[in-house]
């Protein structure tokens, strides 16, 4: 990926010892971290749904469903 940075901003960053490339890489890592947090949240919601289904239909509901599905093939 590439980006354009105004020369004046780049010169100021260099003057203050700021590595612009590293700064941008770190900023993009925040995006990756947020995505992983979102996936973890989704996994937790799915797990909660499975716990509710297990409570409503019995402890072995998922295992029975998988066995029945395999047997139907």
PDB file of N, CA and C in Angstrom:
ATOM      1  N   UNK A   1       0.845  -1.151   0.000  1.00  0.00           N
ATOM      2  CA  UNK A   1       0.000   0.000   0.000  1.00  0.00           C
ATOM      3  C   UNK A   1       0.901   1.228   0.000  1.00  0.00           C
ATOM      4  N   UNK A   2       0.426   2.235  -0.579  1.00  0.00           N
ATOM      5  CA  UNK A   2       1.187   3.482  -0.557  1.00  0.00           C
ATOM      6  C   UNK A   2       0.242   4.628  -0.225  1.00  0.00           C
ATOM      7  N   UNK A   3       0.820   5.698   0.222  1.00  0.00           N
ATOM      8  CA  UNK A   3       0.038   6.881   0.541  1.00  0.00           C
ATOM      9  C   UNK A   3       0.870   8.119   0.227  1.00  0.00           C
ATOM     10  N   UNK A   4       0.184   9.193   0.014  1.00  0.00           N
ATOM     11  CA  UNK A   4       0.881  10.441  -0.242  1.00  0.00           C
ATOM     12  C   UNK A   4       0.837  11.300   1.017  1.00  0.00           C
ATOM     13  N   UNK A   5       1.991  11.834   1.338  1.00  0.00           N
ATOM     14  CA  UNK A   5       2.106  12.721   2.490  1.00  0.00           C
ATOM     15  C   UNK A   5       2.720  14.016   1.981  1.00  0.00           C
ATOM     16  N   UNK A   6       2.103  15.118   2.342  1.00  0.00           N
ATOM     17  CA  UNK A   6       2.656  16.397   1.905  1.00  0.00           C
ATOM     18  C   UNK A   6       4.108  16.515   2.342  1.00  0.00           C
ATOM     19  N   UNK A   7       4.903  17.048   1.452  1.00  0.00           N
ATOM     20  CA  UNK A   7       6.338  17.200   1.715  1.00  0.00           C
ATOM     21  C   UNK A   7       6.581  17.954   3.015  1.00  0.00           C
ATOM     22  N   UNK A   8       5.808  19.002   3.260  1.00  0.00           N
ATOM     23  CA  UNK A   8       6.012  19.792   4.484  1.00  0.00           C
ATOM     24  C   UNK A   8       5.748  18.944   5.731  1.00  0.00           C
ATOM     25  N   UNK A   9       4.742  18.105   5.672  1.00  0.00           N
ATOM     26  CA  UNK A   9       4.425  17.240   6.814  1.00  0.00           C
ATOM     27  C   UNK A   9       5.529  16.208   6.994  1.00  0.00           C
ATOM     28  N   UNK A  10       5.984  15.626   5.895  1.00  0.00           N
ATOM     29  CA  UNK A  10       7.050  14.633   5.950  1.00  0.00           C
ATOM     30  C   UNK A  10       8.338  15.245   6.520  1.00  0.00           C
ATOM     31  N   UNK A  11       8.660  16.454   6.094  1.00  0.00           N
ATOM     32  CA  UNK A  11       9.858  17.132   6.607  1.00  0.00           C
ATOM     33  C   UNK A  11       9.741  17.413   8.098  1.00  0.00           C
ATOM     34  N   UNK A  12       8.565  17.848   8.532  1.00  0.00           N
ATOM     35  CA  UNK A  12       8.353  18.092   9.964  1.00  0.00           C
ATOM     36  C   UNK A  12       8.480  16.790  10.745  1.00  0.00           C
ATOM     37  N   UNK A  13       7.911  15.714  10.210  1.00  0.00           N
ATOM     38  CA  UNK A  13       7.992  14.414  10.886  1.00  0.00           C
ATOM     39  C   UNK A  13       9.449  13.990  11.024  1.00  0.00           C
ATOM     40  N   UNK A  14      10.207  14.142   9.969  1.00  0.00           N
ATOM     41  CA  UNK A  14      11.637  13.793  10.029  1.00  0.00           C
ATOM     42  C   UNK A  14      12.359  14.651  11.067  1.00  0.00           C
ATOM     43  N   UNK A  15      12.024  15.926  11.103  1.00  0.00           N
ATOM     44  CA  UNK A  15      12.667  16.836  12.045  1.00  0.00           C
ATOM     45  C   UNK A  15      12.393  16.399  13.492  1.00  0.00           C
ATOM     46  N   UNK A  16      11.190  15.868  13.744  1.00  0.00           N
ATOM     47  CA  UNK A  16      10.831  15.421  15.085  1.00  0.00           C
ATOM     48  C   UNK A  16      11.162  13.954  15.334  1.00  0.00           C
ATOM     49  N   UNK A  17      11.814  13.324  14.349  1.00  0.00           N
ATOM     50  CA  UNK A  17      12.231  11.936  14.528  1.00  0.00           C
ATOM     51  C   UNK A  17      11.100  10.930  14.409  1.00  0.00           C
ATOM     52  N   UNK A  18      10.064  11.284  13.684  1.00  0.00           N
ATOM     53  CA  UNK A  18       8.908  10.394  13.517  1.00  0.00           C
ATOM     54  C   UNK A  18       9.091   9.594  12.235  1.00  0.00           C
ATOM     55  N   UNK A  19       9.045   8.278  12.366  1.00  0.00           N
ATOM     56  CA  UNK A  19       9.118   7.393  11.213  1.00  0.00           C
ATOM     57  C   UNK A  19       7.685   7.215  10.693  1.00  0.00           C
ATOM     58  N   UNK A  20       7.364   7.887   9.611  1.00  0.00           N
ATOM     59  CA  UNK A  20       6.001   7.902   9.085  1.00  0.00           C
ATOM     60  C   UNK A  20       5.554   6.498   8.680  1.00  0.00           C
ATOM     61  N   UNK A  21       6.430   5.747   8.038  1.00  0.00           N
ATOM     62  CA  UNK A  21       6.073   4.390   7.614  1.00  0.00           C
ATOM     63  C   UNK A  21       5.692   3.523   8.807  1.00  0.00           C
ATOM     64  N   UNK A  22       6.508   3.579   9.857  1.00  0.00           N
ATOM     65  CA  UNK A  22       6.230   2.789  11.055  1.00  0.00           C
ATOM     66  C   UNK A  22       4.934   3.251  11.723  1.00  0.00           C
ATOM     67  N   UNK A  23       4.713   4.544  11.744  1.00  0.00           N
ATOM     68  CA  UNK A  23       3.497   5.097  12.329  1.00  0.00           C
ATOM     69  C   UNK A  23       2.255   4.572  11.594  1.00  0.00           C
ATOM     70  N   UNK A  24       2.318   4.557  10.268  1.00  0.00           N
ATOM     71  CA  UNK A  24       1.189   4.060   9.481  1.00  0.00           C
ATOM     72  C   UNK A  24       0.986   2.556   9.688  1.00  0.00           C
ATOM     73  N   UNK A  25       2.086   1.799   9.759  1.00  0.00           N
ATOM     74  CA  UNK A  25       1.960   0.351  10.010  1.00  0.00           C
ATOM     75  C   UNK A  25       1.270   0.097  11.344  1.00  0.00           C
ATOM     76  N   UNK A  26       1.667   0.845  12.368  1.00  0.00           N
ATOM     77  CA  UNK A  26       1.054   0.677  13.692  1.00  0.00           C
ATOM     78  C   UNK A  26      -0.422   1.053  13.661  1.00  0.00           C
ATOM     79  N   UNK A  27      -0.748   2.098  12.928  1.00  0.00           N
ATOM     80  CA  UNK A  27      -2.151   2.509  12.820  1.00  0.00           C
ATOM     81  C   UNK A  27      -2.979   1.422  12.155  1.00  0.00           C
ATOM     82  N   UNK A  28      -2.423   0.779  11.146  1.00  0.00           N
ATOM     83  CA  UNK A  28      -3.151  -0.288  10.460  1.00  0.00           C
ATOM     84  C   UNK A  28      -3.285  -1.534  11.330  1.00  0.00           C
ATOM     85  N   UNK A  29      -2.365  -1.721  12.261  1.00  0.00           N
ATOM     86  CA  UNK A  29      -2.487  -2.831  13.201  1.00  0.00           C
ATOM     87  C   UNK A  29      -3.712  -2.642  14.097  1.00  0.00           C
ATOM     88  N   UNK A  30      -4.074  -1.414  14.360  1.00  0.00           N
ATOM     89  CA  UNK A  30      -5.279  -1.135  15.150  1.00  0.00           C
ATOM     90  C   UNK A  30      -6.497  -1.696  14.419  1.00  0.00           C
ATOM     91  N   UNK A  31      -6.526  -1.553  13.112  1.00  0.00           N
ATOM     92  CA  UNK A  31      -7.634  -2.091  12.318  1.00  0.00           C
ATOM     93  C   UNK A  31      -7.684  -3.606  12.485  1.00  0.00           C
ATOM     94  N   UNK A  32      -6.535  -4.259  12.384  1.00  0.00           N
ATOM     95  CA  UNK A  32      -6.473  -5.711  12.536  1.00  0.00           C
ATOM     96  C   UNK A  32      -6.943  -6.137  13.922  1.00  0.00           C
ATOM     97  N   UNK A  33      -6.490  -5.410  14.955  1.00  0.00           N
ATOM     98  CA  UNK A  33      -6.878  -5.730  16.327  1.00  0.00           C
ATOM     99  C   UNK A  33      -8.385  -5.578  16.530  1.00  0.00           C
ATOM    100  N   UNK A  34      -8.958  -4.514  15.968  1.00  0.00           N
ATOM    101  CA  UNK A  34     -10.412  -4.304  16.102  1.00  0.00           C
ATOM    102  C   UNK A  34     -11.181  -5.415  15.383  1.00  0.00           C
ATOM    103  N   UNK A  35     -10.668  -5.837  14.228  1.00  0.00           N
ATOM    104  CA  UNK A  35     -11.316  -6.921  13.492  1.00  0.00           C
ATOM    105  C   UNK A  35     -11.307  -8.204  14.324  1.00  0.00           C
ATOM    106  N   UNK A  36     -10.187  -8.502  14.964  1.00  0.00           N
ATOM    107  CA  UNK A  36     -10.104  -9.690  15.816  1.00  0.00           C
ATOM    108  C   UNK A  36     -11.048  -9.581  17.011  1.00  0.00           C
ATOM    109  N   UNK A  37     -11.169  -8.388  17.571  1.00  0.00           N
ATOM    110  CA  UNK A  37     -12.106  -8.181  18.676  1.00  0.00           C
ATOM    111  C   UNK A  37     -13.537  -8.426  18.218  1.00  0.00           C
ATOM    112  N   UNK A  38     -13.861  -7.950  17.020  1.00  0.00           N
ATOM    113  CA  UNK A  38     -15.199  -8.152  16.459  1.00  0.00           C
ATOM    114  C   UNK A  38     -15.476  -9.637  16.241  1.00  0.00           C
ATOM    115  N   UNK A  39     -14.482 -10.369  15.735  1.00  0.00           N
ATOM    116  CA  UNK A  39     -14.656 -11.803  15.525  1.00  0.00           C
ATOM    117  C   UNK A  39     -14.817 -12.542  16.846  1.00  0.00           C
ATOM    118  N   UNK A  40     -14.069 -12.118  17.866  1.00  0.00           N
ATOM    119  CA  UNK A  40     -14.197 -12.740  19.183  1.00  0.00           C
ATOM    120  C   UNK A  40     -15.590 -12.502  19.753  1.00  0.00           C
ATOM    121  N   UNK A  41     -16.114 -11.316  19.549  1.00  0.00           N
ATOM    122  CA  UNK A  41     -17.461 -10.996  20.016  1.00  0.00           C
ATOM    123  C   UNK A  41     -18.503 -11.856  19.297  1.00  0.00           C
ATOM    124  N   UNK A  42     -18.321 -12.011  18.005  1.00  0.00           N
ATOM    125  CA  UNK A  42     -19.240 -12.854  17.228  1.00  0.00           C
ATOM    126  C   UNK A  42     -19.173 -14.299  17.708  1.00  0.00           C
ATOM    127  N   UNK A  43     -17.978 -14.796  17.951  1.00  0.00           N
ATOM    128  CA  UNK A  43     -17.818 -16.173  18.439  1.00  0.00           C
ATOM    129  C   UNK A  43     -18.505 -16.338  19.793  1.00  0.00           C
ATOM    130  N   UNK A  44     -18.406 -15.343  20.645  1.00  0.00           N
ATOM    131  CA  UNK A  44     -19.058 -15.415  21.951  1.00  0.00           C
ATOM    132  C   UNK A  44     -20.580 -15.455  21.800  1.00  0.00           C
ATOM    133  N   UNK A  45     -21.116 -14.664  20.862  1.00  0.00           N
ATOM    134  CA  UNK A  45     -22.564 -14.684  20.637  1.00  0.00           C
ATOM    135  C   UNK A  45     -23.023 -16.045  20.106  1.00  0.00           C
ATOM    136  N   UNK A  46     -22.231 -16.638  19.223  1.00  0.00           N
ATOM    137  CA  UNK A  46     -22.560 -17.965  18.693  1.00  0.00           C
ATOM    138  C   UNK A  46     -22.519 -18.989  19.823  1.00  0.00           C
ATOM    139  N   UNK A  47     -21.475 -18.915  20.661  1.00  0.00           N
ATOM    140  CA  UNK A  47     -21.361 -19.844  21.784  1.00  0.00           C
ATOM    141  C   UNK A  47     -22.546 -19.696  22.737  1.00  0.00           C
ATOM    142  N   UNK A  48     -22.965 -18.463  22.978  1.00  0.00           N
ATOM    143  CA  UNK A  48     -24.120 -18.237  23.851  1.00  0.00           C
ATOM    144  C   UNK A  48     -25.376 -18.858  23.238  1.00  0.00           C
ATOM    145  N   UNK A  49     -25.538 -18.710  21.944  1.00  0.00           N
ATOM    146  CA  UNK A  49     -26.677 -19.332  21.265  1.00  0.00           C
ATOM    147  C   UNK A  49     -26.652 -20.843  21.382  1.00  0.00           C
ATOM    148  N   UNK A  50     -25.468 -21.420  21.257  1.00  0.00           N
ATOM    149  CA  UNK A  50     -25.335 -22.873  21.406  1.00  0.00           C
ATOM    150  C   UNK A  50     -25.636 -23.305  22.836  1.00  0.00           C
ATOM    151  N   UNK A  51     -25.197 -22.494  23.820  1.00  0.00           N
ATOM    152  CA  UNK A  51     -25.512 -22.831  25.214  1.00  0.00           C
ATOM    153  C   UNK A  51     -27.017 -22.804  25.452  1.00  0.00           C
ATOM    154  N   UNK A  52     -27.688 -21.807  24.885  1.00  0.00           N
ATOM    155  CA  UNK A  52     -29.142 -21.717  25.043  1.00  0.00           C
ATOM    156  C   UNK A  52     -29.836 -22.896  24.371  1.00  0.00           C
ATOM    157  N   UNK A  53     -29.378 -23.257  23.184  1.00  0.00           N
ATOM    158  CA  UNK A  53     -29.965 -24.403  22.480  1.00  0.00           C
ATOM    159  C   UNK A  53     -29.730 -25.669  23.273  1.00  0.00           C
ATOM    160  N   UNK A  54     -28.543 -25.811  23.831  1.00  0.00           N
ATOM    161  CA  UNK A  54     -28.214 -26.982  24.629  1.00  0.00           C
ATOM    162  C   UNK A  54     -29.121 -27.066  25.858  1.00  0.00           C
ATOM    163  N   UNK A  55     -29.370 -25.929  26.498  1.00  0.00           N
ATOM    164  CA  UNK A  55     -30.234 -25.908  27.678  1.00  0.00           C
ATOM    165  C   UNK A  55     -31.677 -26.233  27.302  1.00  0.00           C
ATOM    166  N   UNK A  56     -32.105 -25.743  26.141  1.00  0.00           N
ATOM    167  CA  UNK A  56     -33.495 -25.947  25.726  1.00  0.00           C
ATOM    168  C   UNK A  56     -33.742 -27.353  25.182  1.00  0.00           C
ATOM    169  N   UNK A  57     -32.752 -27.911  24.473  1.00  0.00           N
ATOM    170  CA  UNK A  57     -32.963 -29.197  23.790  1.00  0.00           C
ATOM    171  C   UNK A  57     -32.185 -30.347  24.396  1.00  0.00           C
ATOM    172  N   UNK A  58     -31.455 -30.122  25.452  1.00  0.00           N
ATOM    173  CA  UNK A  58     -30.691 -31.181  26.102  1.00  0.00           C
ATOM    174  C   UNK A  58     -29.199 -31.006  25.867  1.00  0.00           C
ATOM    175  N   UNK A  59     -28.441 -31.554  26.798  1.00  0.00           N
ATOM    176  CA  UNK A  59     -26.990 -31.393  26.762  1.00  0.00           C
ATOM    177  C   UNK A  59     -26.354 -31.972  25.504  1.00  0.00           C
ATOM    178  N   UNK A  60     -26.897 -33.053  24.982  1.00  0.00           N
ATOM    179  CA  UNK A  60     -26.275 -33.713  23.827  1.00  0.00           C
ATOM    180  C   UNK A  60     -26.939 -33.324  22.503  1.00  0.00           C
ATOM    181  N   UNK A  61     -27.656 -32.213  22.477  1.00  0.00           N
ATOM    182  CA  UNK A  61     -28.382 -31.772  21.283  1.00  0.00           C
ATOM    183  C   UNK A  61     -27.469 -31.619  20.069  1.00  0.00           C
ATOM    184  N   UNK A  62     -26.351 -30.952  20.236  1.00  0.00           N
ATOM    185  CA  UNK A  62     -25.450 -30.711  19.107  1.00  0.00           C
ATOM    186  C   UNK A  62     -24.884 -32.034  18.610  1.00  0.00           C
ATOM    187  N   UNK A  63     -24.428 -32.872  19.529  1.00  0.00           N
ATOM    188  CA  UNK A  63     -23.858 -34.161  19.133  1.00  0.00           C
ATOM    189  C   UNK A  63     -24.906 -35.019  18.422  1.00  0.00           C
ATOM    190  N   UNK A  64     -26.134 -35.051  18.956  1.00  0.00           N
ATOM    191  CA  UNK A  64     -27.201 -35.822  18.296  1.00  0.00           C
ATOM    192  C   UNK A  64     -27.484 -35.290  16.898  1.00  0.00           C
ATOM    193  N   UNK A  65     -27.524 -33.965  16.783  1.00  0.00           N
ATOM    194  CA  UNK A  65     -27.799 -33.349  15.475  1.00  0.00           C
ATOM    195  C   UNK A  65     -26.734 -33.717  14.461  1.00  0.00           C
ATOM    196  N   UNK A  66     -25.486 -33.684  14.877  1.00  0.00           N
ATOM    197  CA  UNK A  66     -24.392 -34.046  13.961  1.00  0.00           C
ATOM    198  C   UNK A  66     -24.493 -35.512  13.561  1.00  0.00           C
ATOM    199  N   UNK A  67     -24.737 -36.381  14.531  1.00  0.00           N
ATOM    200  CA  UNK A  67     -24.878 -37.812  14.226  1.00  0.00           C
ATOM    201  C   UNK A  67     -26.032 -38.061  13.270  1.00  0.00           C
ATOM    202  N   UNK A  68     -27.186 -37.411  13.523  1.00  0.00           N
ATOM    203  CA  UNK A  68     -28.347 -37.587  12.654  1.00  0.00           C
ATOM    204  C   UNK A  68     -28.044 -37.094  11.240  1.00  0.00           C
ATOM    205  N   UNK A  69     -27.366 -35.977  11.148  1.00  0.00           N
ATOM    206  CA  UNK A  69     -27.018 -35.426   9.840  1.00  0.00           C
ATOM    207  C   UNK A  69     -26.081 -36.372   9.087  1.00  0.00           C
ATOM    208  N   UNK A  70     -25.106 -36.933   9.777  1.00  0.00           N
ATOM    209  CA  UNK A  70     -24.179 -37.885   9.142  1.00  0.00           C
ATOM    210  C   UNK A  70     -24.903 -39.154   8.712  1.00  0.00           C
ATOM    211  N   UNK A  71     -25.817 -39.621   9.548  1.00  0.00           N
ATOM    212  CA  UNK A  71     -26.540 -40.849   9.239  1.00  0.00           C
ATOM    213  C   UNK A  71     -27.459 -40.664   8.039  1.00  0.00           C
ATOM    214  N   UNK A  72     -27.949 -39.434   7.841  1.00  0.00           N
ATOM    215  CA  UNK A  72     -28.871 -39.152   6.734  1.00  0.00           C
ATOM    216  C   UNK A  72     -28.159 -39.142   5.393  1.00  0.00           C
ATOM    217  N   UNK A  73     -26.845 -39.041   5.398  1.00  0.00           N
ATOM    218  CA  UNK A  73     -26.101 -38.978   4.129  1.00  0.00           C
ATOM    219  C   UNK A  73     -26.031 -40.293   3.519  1.00  0.00           C
TER     220      UNK A  73
END
